[in-house]
Amino acid sequence: MESKNLPTDQLRDRVEKAWLQHIKLCQDNFLYFVKEVWPDIVMKQETDPDNWGHHQIMAHEFTKIASQKKGAHYQYASTTY
């Protein structure tokens, strides 16, 4: 069924679901969040990690940290915290 033909409550549910998915993406993917907050960010768009720029490297590290569970031991360089 097309969205223009949906009852208001079903349309509201779809919008809320899409918004929650957007929030989850912002929480789980740092670059997605940055692009939402700052759409005109200037950064490399490389797929090969060997060619990543600063923003991609930092976003990857932030995403790794955020994906770890609380209380887990974080390994950075050769030191365990």
PDB file of N, CA and C in Angstrom:
ATOM      1  N   MET A   1       0.850  -1.184   0.000  1.00  0.00           N
ATOM      2  CA  MET A   1       0.000   0.000   0.000  1.00  0.00           C
ATOM      3  C   MET A   1       0.891   1.241   0.000  1.00  0.00           C
ATOM      4  N   GLU A   2       0.555   2.191  -0.828  1.00  0.00           N
ATOM      5  CA  GLU A   2       1.323   3.430  -0.891  1.00  0.00           C
ATOM      6  C   GLU A   2       1.128   4.237   0.386  1.00  0.00           C
ATOM      7  N   SER A   3       2.159   4.972   0.760  1.00  0.00           N
ATOM      8  CA  SER A   3       2.101   5.735   2.008  1.00  0.00           C
ATOM      9  C   SER A   3       1.008   6.799   1.994  1.00  0.00           C
ATOM     10  N   LYS A   4       0.666   7.323   0.823  1.00  0.00           N
ATOM     11  CA  LYS A   4      -0.382   8.349   0.776  1.00  0.00           C
ATOM     12  C   LYS A   4      -1.764   7.759   1.054  1.00  0.00           C
ATOM     13  N   ASN A   5      -1.892   6.435   0.953  1.00  0.00           N
ATOM     14  CA  ASN A   5      -3.167   5.776   1.203  1.00  0.00           C
ATOM     15  C   ASN A   5      -3.253   5.126   2.585  1.00  0.00           C
ATOM     16  N   LEU A   6      -2.199   5.263   3.383  1.00  0.00           N
ATOM     17  CA  LEU A   6      -2.181   4.648   4.710  1.00  0.00           C
ATOM     18  C   LEU A   6      -2.977   5.480   5.711  1.00  0.00           C
ATOM     19  N   PRO A   7      -3.603   4.813   6.665  1.00  0.00           N
ATOM     20  CA  PRO A   7      -4.224   5.559   7.761  1.00  0.00           C
ATOM     21  C   PRO A   7      -3.137   6.280   8.570  1.00  0.00           C
ATOM     22  N   THR A   8      -3.518   7.313   9.255  1.00  0.00           N
ATOM     23  CA  THR A   8      -2.568   8.147   9.987  1.00  0.00           C
ATOM     24  C   THR A   8      -1.733   7.348  10.974  1.00  0.00           C
ATOM     25  N   ASP A   9      -2.337   6.446  11.719  1.00  0.00           N
ATOM     26  CA  ASP A   9      -1.580   5.696  12.724  1.00  0.00           C
ATOM     27  C   ASP A   9      -0.540   4.783  12.086  1.00  0.00           C
ATOM     28  N   GLN A  10      -0.845   4.182  10.943  1.00  0.00           N
ATOM     29  CA  GLN A  10       0.137   3.339  10.258  1.00  0.00           C
ATOM     30  C   GLN A  10       1.263   4.178   9.654  1.00  0.00           C
ATOM     31  N   LEU A  11       0.927   5.329   9.118  1.00  0.00           N
ATOM     32  CA  LEU A  11       1.933   6.232   8.583  1.00  0.00           C
ATOM     33  C   LEU A  11       2.849   6.720   9.707  1.00  0.00           C
ATOM     34  N   ARG A  12       2.263   7.065  10.839  1.00  0.00           N
ATOM     35  CA  ARG A  12       3.032   7.501  12.006  1.00  0.00           C
ATOM     36  C   ARG A  12       3.991   6.390  12.446  1.00  0.00           C
ATOM     37  N   ASP A  13       3.520   5.139  12.449  1.00  0.00           N
ATOM     38  CA  ASP A  13       4.366   4.005  12.823  1.00  0.00           C
ATOM     39  C   ASP A  13       5.548   3.856  11.867  1.00  0.00           C
ATOM     40  N   ARG A  14       5.294   4.031  10.568  1.00  0.00           N
ATOM     41  CA  ARG A  14       6.379   3.930   9.583  1.00  0.00           C
ATOM     42  C   ARG A  14       7.416   5.036   9.768  1.00  0.00           C
ATOM     43  N   VAL A  15       6.937   6.232  10.009  1.00  0.00           N
ATOM     44  CA  VAL A  15       7.852   7.364  10.219  1.00  0.00           C
ATOM     45  C   VAL A  15       8.673   7.136  11.485  1.00  0.00           C
ATOM     46  N   GLU A  16       8.028   6.675  12.545  1.00  0.00           N
ATOM     47  CA  GLU A  16       8.740   6.420  13.796  1.00  0.00           C
ATOM     48  C   GLU A  16       9.783   5.315  13.619  1.00  0.00           C
ATOM     49  N   LYS A  17       9.433   4.272  12.890  1.00  0.00           N
ATOM     50  CA  LYS A  17      10.383   3.187  12.642  1.00  0.00           C
ATOM     51  C   LYS A  17      11.593   3.690  11.848  1.00  0.00           C
ATOM     52  N   ALA A  18      11.350   4.503  10.832  1.00  0.00           N
ATOM     53  CA  ALA A  18      12.443   5.070  10.032  1.00  0.00           C
ATOM     54  C   ALA A  18      13.326   5.971  10.884  1.00  0.00           C
ATOM     55  N   TRP A  19      12.731   6.756  11.762  1.00  0.00           N
ATOM     56  CA  TRP A  19      13.492   7.648  12.638  1.00  0.00           C
ATOM     57  C   TRP A  19      14.353   6.844  13.603  1.00  0.00           C
ATOM     58  N   LEU A  20      13.797   5.770  14.161  1.00  0.00           N
ATOM     59  CA  LEU A  20      14.564   4.918  15.075  1.00  0.00           C
ATOM     60  C   LEU A  20      15.731   4.246  14.348  1.00  0.00           C
ATOM     61  N   GLN A  21      15.527   3.839  13.103  1.00  0.00           N
ATOM     62  CA  GLN A  21      16.621   3.265  12.316  1.00  0.00           C
ATOM     63  C   GLN A  21      17.711   4.309  12.075  1.00  0.00           C
ATOM     64  N   HIS A  22      17.303   5.535  11.809  1.00  0.00           N
ATOM     65  CA  HIS A  22      18.250   6.633  11.609  1.00  0.00           C
ATOM     66  C   HIS A  22      19.065   6.877  12.886  1.00  0.00           C
ATOM     67  N   ILE A  23      18.400   6.906  14.029  1.00  0.00           N
ATOM     68  CA  ILE A  23      19.088   7.106  15.310  1.00  0.00           C
ATOM     69  C   ILE A  23      20.078   5.981  15.552  1.00  0.00           C
ATOM     70  N   LYS A  24      19.680   4.743  15.299  1.00  0.00           N
ATOM     71  CA  LYS A  24      20.552   3.586  15.494  1.00  0.00           C
ATOM     72  C   LYS A  24      21.784   3.693  14.600  1.00  0.00           C
ATOM     73  N   LEU A  25      21.595   4.096  13.340  1.00  0.00           N
ATOM     74  CA  LEU A  25      22.741   4.284  12.446  1.00  0.00           C
ATOM     75  C   LEU A  25      23.691   5.347  12.984  1.00  0.00           C
ATOM     76  N   CYS A  26      23.147   6.431  13.500  1.00  0.00           N
ATOM     77  CA  CYS A  26      23.983   7.495  14.076  1.00  0.00           C
ATOM     78  C   CYS A  26      24.766   6.984  15.283  1.00  0.00           C
ATOM     79  N   GLN A  27      24.170   6.110  16.058  1.00  0.00           N
ATOM     80  CA  GLN A  27      24.840   5.569  17.242  1.00  0.00           C
ATOM     81  C   GLN A  27      25.913   4.543  16.873  1.00  0.00           C
ATOM     82  N   ASP A  28      25.672   3.789  15.816  1.00  0.00           N
ATOM     83  CA  ASP A  28      26.560   2.679  15.469  1.00  0.00           C
ATOM     84  C   ASP A  28      27.632   3.025  14.443  1.00  0.00           C
ATOM     85  N   ASN A  29      27.470   4.105  13.707  1.00  0.00           N
ATOM     86  CA  ASN A  29      28.387   4.430  12.628  1.00  0.00           C
ATOM     87  C   ASN A  29      28.785   5.894  12.755  1.00  0.00           C
ATOM     88  N   PHE A  30      30.010   6.128  13.200  1.00  0.00           N
ATOM     89  CA  PHE A  30      30.450   7.490  13.476  1.00  0.00           C
ATOM     90  C   PHE A  30      30.429   8.377  12.230  1.00  0.00           C
ATOM     91  N   LEU A  31      30.882   7.857  11.092  1.00  0.00           N
ATOM     92  CA  LEU A  31      30.871   8.689   9.874  1.00  0.00           C
ATOM     93  C   LEU A  31      29.461   9.043   9.440  1.00  0.00           C
ATOM     94  N   TYR A  32      28.516   8.129   9.596  1.00  0.00           N
ATOM     95  CA  TYR A  32      27.120   8.437   9.283  1.00  0.00           C
ATOM     96  C   TYR A  32      26.647   9.586  10.166  1.00  0.00           C
ATOM     97  N   PHE A  33      26.972   9.514  11.450  1.00  0.00           N
ATOM     98  CA  PHE A  33      26.609  10.575  12.390  1.00  0.00           C
ATOM     99  C   PHE A  33      27.233  11.912  11.973  1.00  0.00           C
ATOM    100  N   VAL A  34      28.520  11.887  11.663  1.00  0.00           N
ATOM    101  CA  VAL A  34      29.228  13.121  11.282  1.00  0.00           C
ATOM    102  C   VAL A  34      28.602  13.735  10.037  1.00  0.00           C
ATOM    103  N   LYS A  35      28.287  12.902   9.052  1.00  0.00           N
ATOM    104  CA  LYS A  35      27.675  13.420   7.818  1.00  0.00           C
ATOM    105  C   LYS A  35      26.289  13.994   8.078  1.00  0.00           C
ATOM    106  N   GLU A  36      25.582  13.469   9.060  1.00  0.00           N
ATOM    107  CA  GLU A  36      24.273  14.018   9.409  1.00  0.00           C
ATOM    108  C   GLU A  36      24.407  15.367  10.105  1.00  0.00           C
ATOM    109  N   VAL A  37      25.404  15.481  10.968  1.00  0.00           N
ATOM    110  CA  VAL A  37      25.614  16.729  11.708  1.00  0.00           C
ATOM    111  C   VAL A  37      26.285  17.778  10.826  1.00  0.00           C
ATOM    112  N   TRP A  38      27.207  17.322   9.977  1.00  0.00           N
ATOM    113  CA  TRP A  38      27.995  18.226   9.143  1.00  0.00           C
ATOM    114  C   TRP A  38      27.993  17.695   7.712  1.00  0.00           C
ATOM    115  N   PRO A  39      26.931  17.948   6.939  1.00  0.00           N
ATOM    116  CA  PRO A  39      26.797  17.384   5.595  1.00  0.00           C
ATOM    117  C   PRO A  39      27.907  17.805   4.624  1.00  0.00           C
ATOM    118  N   ASP A  40      28.530  18.937   4.860  1.00  0.00           N
ATOM    119  CA  ASP A  40      29.550  19.444   3.941  1.00  0.00           C
ATOM    120  C   ASP A  40      30.974  19.068   4.354  1.00  0.00           C
ATOM    121  N   ILE A  41      31.123  18.043   5.189  1.00  0.00           N
ATOM    122  CA  ILE A  41      32.455  17.645   5.650  1.00  0.00           C
ATOM    123  C   ILE A  41      33.334  17.282   4.458  1.00  0.00           C
ATOM    124  N   VAL A  42      34.585  17.693   4.544  1.00  0.00           N
ATOM    125  CA  VAL A  42      35.548  17.390   3.495  1.00  0.00           C
ATOM    126  C   VAL A  42      36.421  16.251   4.007  1.00  0.00           C
ATOM    127  N   MET A  43      36.339  15.105   3.316  1.00  0.00           N
ATOM    128  CA  MET A  43      37.142  13.953   3.729  1.00  0.00           C
ATOM    129  C   MET A  43      37.292  13.003   2.559  1.00  0.00           C
ATOM    130  N   LYS A  44      38.260  12.116   2.695  1.00  0.00           N
ATOM    131  CA  LYS A  44      38.464  11.090   1.676  1.00  0.00           C
ATOM    132  C   LYS A  44      37.296  10.120   1.688  1.00  0.00           C
ATOM    133  N   GLN A  45      37.011   9.544   0.538  1.00  0.00           N
ATOM    134  CA  GLN A  45      35.961   8.544   0.408  1.00  0.00           C
ATOM    135  C   GLN A  45      36.599   7.261  -0.120  1.00  0.00           C
ATOM    136  N   GLU A  46      37.564   6.719   0.591  1.00  0.00           N
ATOM    137  CA  GLU A  46      38.292   5.529   0.162  1.00  0.00           C
ATOM    138  C   GLU A  46      37.672   4.273   0.746  1.00  0.00           C
ATOM    139  N   THR A  47      37.663   3.199  -0.022  1.00  0.00           N
ATOM    140  CA  THR A  47      37.181   1.919   0.488  1.00  0.00           C
ATOM    141  C   THR A  47      38.323   1.056   0.999  1.00  0.00           C
ATOM    142  N   ASP A  48      39.534   1.285   0.499  1.00  0.00           N
ATOM    143  CA  ASP A  48      40.705   0.521   0.920  1.00  0.00           C
ATOM    144  C   ASP A  48      41.281   1.135   2.193  1.00  0.00           C
ATOM    145  N   PRO A  49      41.288   0.385   3.307  1.00  0.00           N
ATOM    146  CA  PRO A  49      41.802   0.932   4.568  1.00  0.00           C
ATOM    147  C   PRO A  49      43.236   1.449   4.485  1.00  0.00           C
ATOM    148  N   ASP A  50      44.043   0.919   3.576  1.00  0.00           N
ATOM    149  CA  ASP A  50      45.416   1.411   3.437  1.00  0.00           C
ATOM    150  C   ASP A  50      45.466   2.835   2.907  1.00  0.00           C
ATOM    151  N   ASN A  51      44.386   3.295   2.292  1.00  0.00           N
ATOM    152  CA  ASN A  51      44.340   4.645   1.724  1.00  0.00           C
ATOM    153  C   ASN A  51      43.409   5.591   2.482  1.00  0.00           C
ATOM    154  N   TRP A  52      42.888   5.137   3.604  1.00  0.00           N
ATOM    155  CA  TRP A  52      41.971   5.968   4.386  1.00  0.00           C
ATOM    156  C   TRP A  52      42.651   7.245   4.839  1.00  0.00           C
ATOM    157  N   GLY A  53      41.852   8.297   4.940  1.00  0.00           N
ATOM    158  CA  GLY A  53      42.318   9.546   5.513  1.00  0.00           C
ATOM    159  C   GLY A  53      42.047   9.567   7.013  1.00  0.00           C
ATOM    160  N   HIS A  54      42.447  10.653   7.646  1.00  0.00           N
ATOM    161  CA  HIS A  54      42.329  10.813   9.099  1.00  0.00           C
ATOM    162  C   HIS A  54      40.899  10.561   9.600  1.00  0.00           C
ATOM    163  N   HIS A  55      39.909  11.148   8.932  1.00  0.00           N
ATOM    164  CA  HIS A  55      38.533  11.024   9.400  1.00  0.00           C
ATOM    165  C   HIS A  55      38.051   9.576   9.355  1.00  0.00           C
ATOM    166  N   GLN A  56      38.407   8.851   8.310  1.00  0.00           N
ATOM    167  CA  GLN A  56      37.997   7.450   8.212  1.00  0.00           C
ATOM    168  C   GLN A  56      38.686   6.595   9.271  1.00  0.00           C
ATOM    169  N   ILE A  57      39.957   6.843   9.504  1.00  0.00           N
ATOM    170  CA  ILE A  57      40.695   6.082  10.527  1.00  0.00           C
ATOM    171  C   ILE A  57      40.080   6.330  11.901  1.00  0.00           C
ATOM    172  N   MET A  58      39.855   7.596  12.238  1.00  0.00           N
ATOM    173  CA  MET A  58      39.292   7.922  13.553  1.00  0.00           C
ATOM    174  C   MET A  58      37.879   7.369  13.693  1.00  0.00           C
ATOM    175  N   ALA A  59      37.079   7.472  12.655  1.00  0.00           N
ATOM    176  CA  ALA A  59      35.711   6.957  12.701  1.00  0.00           C
ATOM    177  C   ALA A  59      35.713   5.450  12.905  1.00  0.00           C
ATOM    178  N   HIS A  60      36.627   4.764  12.252  1.00  0.00           N
ATOM    179  CA  HIS A  60      36.737   3.311  12.422  1.00  0.00           C
ATOM    180  C   HIS A  60      37.070   2.965  13.871  1.00  0.00           C
ATOM    181  N   GLU A  61      38.013   3.684  14.457  1.00  0.00           N
ATOM    182  CA  GLU A  61      38.396   3.427  15.850  1.00  0.00           C
ATOM    183  C   GLU A  61      37.242   3.750  16.808  1.00  0.00           C
ATOM    184  N   PHE A  62      36.561   4.869  16.592  1.00  0.00           N
ATOM    185  CA  PHE A  62      35.424   5.219  17.455  1.00  0.00           C
ATOM    186  C   PHE A  62      34.319   4.171  17.353  1.00  0.00           C
ATOM    187  N   THR A  63      34.060   3.693  16.146  1.00  0.00           N
ATOM    188  CA  THR A  63      33.031   2.681  15.943  1.00  0.00           C
ATOM    189  C   THR A  63      33.419   1.380  16.637  1.00  0.00           C
ATOM    190  N   LYS A  64      34.697   0.998  16.557  1.00  0.00           N
ATOM    191  CA  LYS A  64      35.155  -0.215  17.256  1.00  0.00           C
ATOM    192  C   LYS A  64      34.954  -0.080  18.762  1.00  0.00           C
ATOM    193  N   ILE A  65      35.325   1.062  19.321  1.00  0.00           N
ATOM    194  CA  ILE A  65      35.178   1.283  20.758  1.00  0.00           C
ATOM    195  C   ILE A  65      33.708   1.235  21.150  1.00  0.00           C
ATOM    196  N   ALA A  66      32.861   1.903  20.384  1.00  0.00           N
ATOM    197  CA  ALA A  66      31.434   1.956  20.695  1.00  0.00           C
ATOM    198  C   ALA A  66      30.773   0.588  20.592  1.00  0.00           C
ATOM    199  N   SER A  67      31.293  -0.274  19.746  1.00  0.00           N
ATOM    200  CA  SER A  67      30.671  -1.581  19.561  1.00  0.00           C
ATOM    201  C   SER A  67      31.052  -2.576  20.659  1.00  0.00           C
ATOM    202  N   GLN A  68      32.088  -2.252  21.426  1.00  0.00           N
ATOM    203  CA  GLN A  68      32.489  -3.144  22.513  1.00  0.00           C
ATOM    204  C   GLN A  68      31.550  -2.972  23.692  1.00  0.00           C
ATOM    205  N   LYS A  69      31.335  -4.051  24.412  1.00  0.00           N
ATOM    206  CA  LYS A  69      30.419  -4.014  25.548  1.00  0.00           C
ATOM    207  C   LYS A  69      31.097  -3.377  26.748  1.00  0.00           C
ATOM    208  N   LYS A  70      30.298  -2.746  27.598  1.00  0.00           N
ATOM    209  CA  LYS A  70      30.828  -2.158  28.828  1.00  0.00           C
ATOM    210  C   LYS A  70      31.449  -3.250  29.680  1.00  0.00           C
ATOM    211  N   GLY A  71      32.563  -2.926  30.300  1.00  0.00           N
ATOM    212  CA  GLY A  71      33.235  -3.885  31.156  1.00  0.00           C
ATOM    213  C   GLY A  71      34.230  -4.756  30.416  1.00  0.00           C
ATOM    214  N   ALA A  72      34.236  -4.676  29.081  1.00  0.00           N
ATOM    215  CA  ALA A  72      35.185  -5.479  28.308  1.00  0.00           C
ATOM    216  C   ALA A  72      36.563  -4.839  28.418  1.00  0.00           C
ATOM    217  N   HIS A  73      37.578  -5.625  28.197  1.00  0.00           N
ATOM    218  CA  HIS A  73      38.933  -5.100  28.205  1.00  0.00           C
ATOM    219  C   HIS A  73      39.256  -4.547  26.835  1.00  0.00           C
ATOM    220  N   TYR A  74      39.687  -3.306  26.785  1.00  0.00           N
ATOM    221  CA  TYR A  74      40.025  -2.661  25.528  1.00  0.00           C
ATOM    222  C   TYR A  74      41.496  -2.839  25.248  1.00  0.00           C
ATOM    223  N   GLN A  75      41.820  -3.204  24.038  1.00  0.00           N
ATOM    224  CA  GLN A  75      43.214  -3.368  23.654  1.00  0.00           C
ATOM    225  C   GLN A  75      43.593  -2.206  22.751  1.00  0.00           C
ATOM    226  N   TYR A  76      44.566  -1.434  23.147  1.00  0.00           N
ATOM    227  CA  TYR A  76      45.049  -0.326  22.335  1.00  0.00           C
ATOM    228  C   TYR A  76      46.549  -0.441  22.273  1.00  0.00           C
ATOM    229  N   ALA A  77      47.072  -0.436  21.071  1.00  0.00           N
ATOM    230  CA  ALA A  77      48.496  -0.683  20.851  1.00  0.00           C
ATOM    231  C   ALA A  77      48.813  -2.034  21.486  1.00  0.00           C
ATOM    232  N   SER A  78      49.799  -2.075  22.389  1.00  0.00           N
ATOM    233  CA  SER A  78      50.133  -3.356  23.009  1.00  0.00           C
ATOM    234  C   SER A  78      49.722  -3.386  24.474  1.00  0.00           C
ATOM    235  N   THR A  79      48.935  -2.411  24.898  1.00  0.00           N
ATOM    236  CA  THR A  79      48.528  -2.321  26.300  1.00  0.00           C
ATOM    237  C   THR A  79      47.075  -2.710  26.457  1.00  0.00           C
ATOM    238  N   THR A  80      46.778  -3.533  27.440  1.00  0.00           N
ATOM    239  CA  THR A  80      45.394  -3.893  27.747  1.00  0.00           C
ATOM    240  C   THR A  80      44.923  -3.062  28.927  1.00  0.00           C
ATOM    241  N   TYR A  81      43.742  -2.496  28.790  1.00  0.00           N
ATOM    242  CA  TYR A  81      43.173  -1.665  29.861  1.00  0.00           C
ATOM    243  C   TYR A  81      42.114  -2.452  30.583  1.00  0.00           C
TER     244      TYR A  81
END
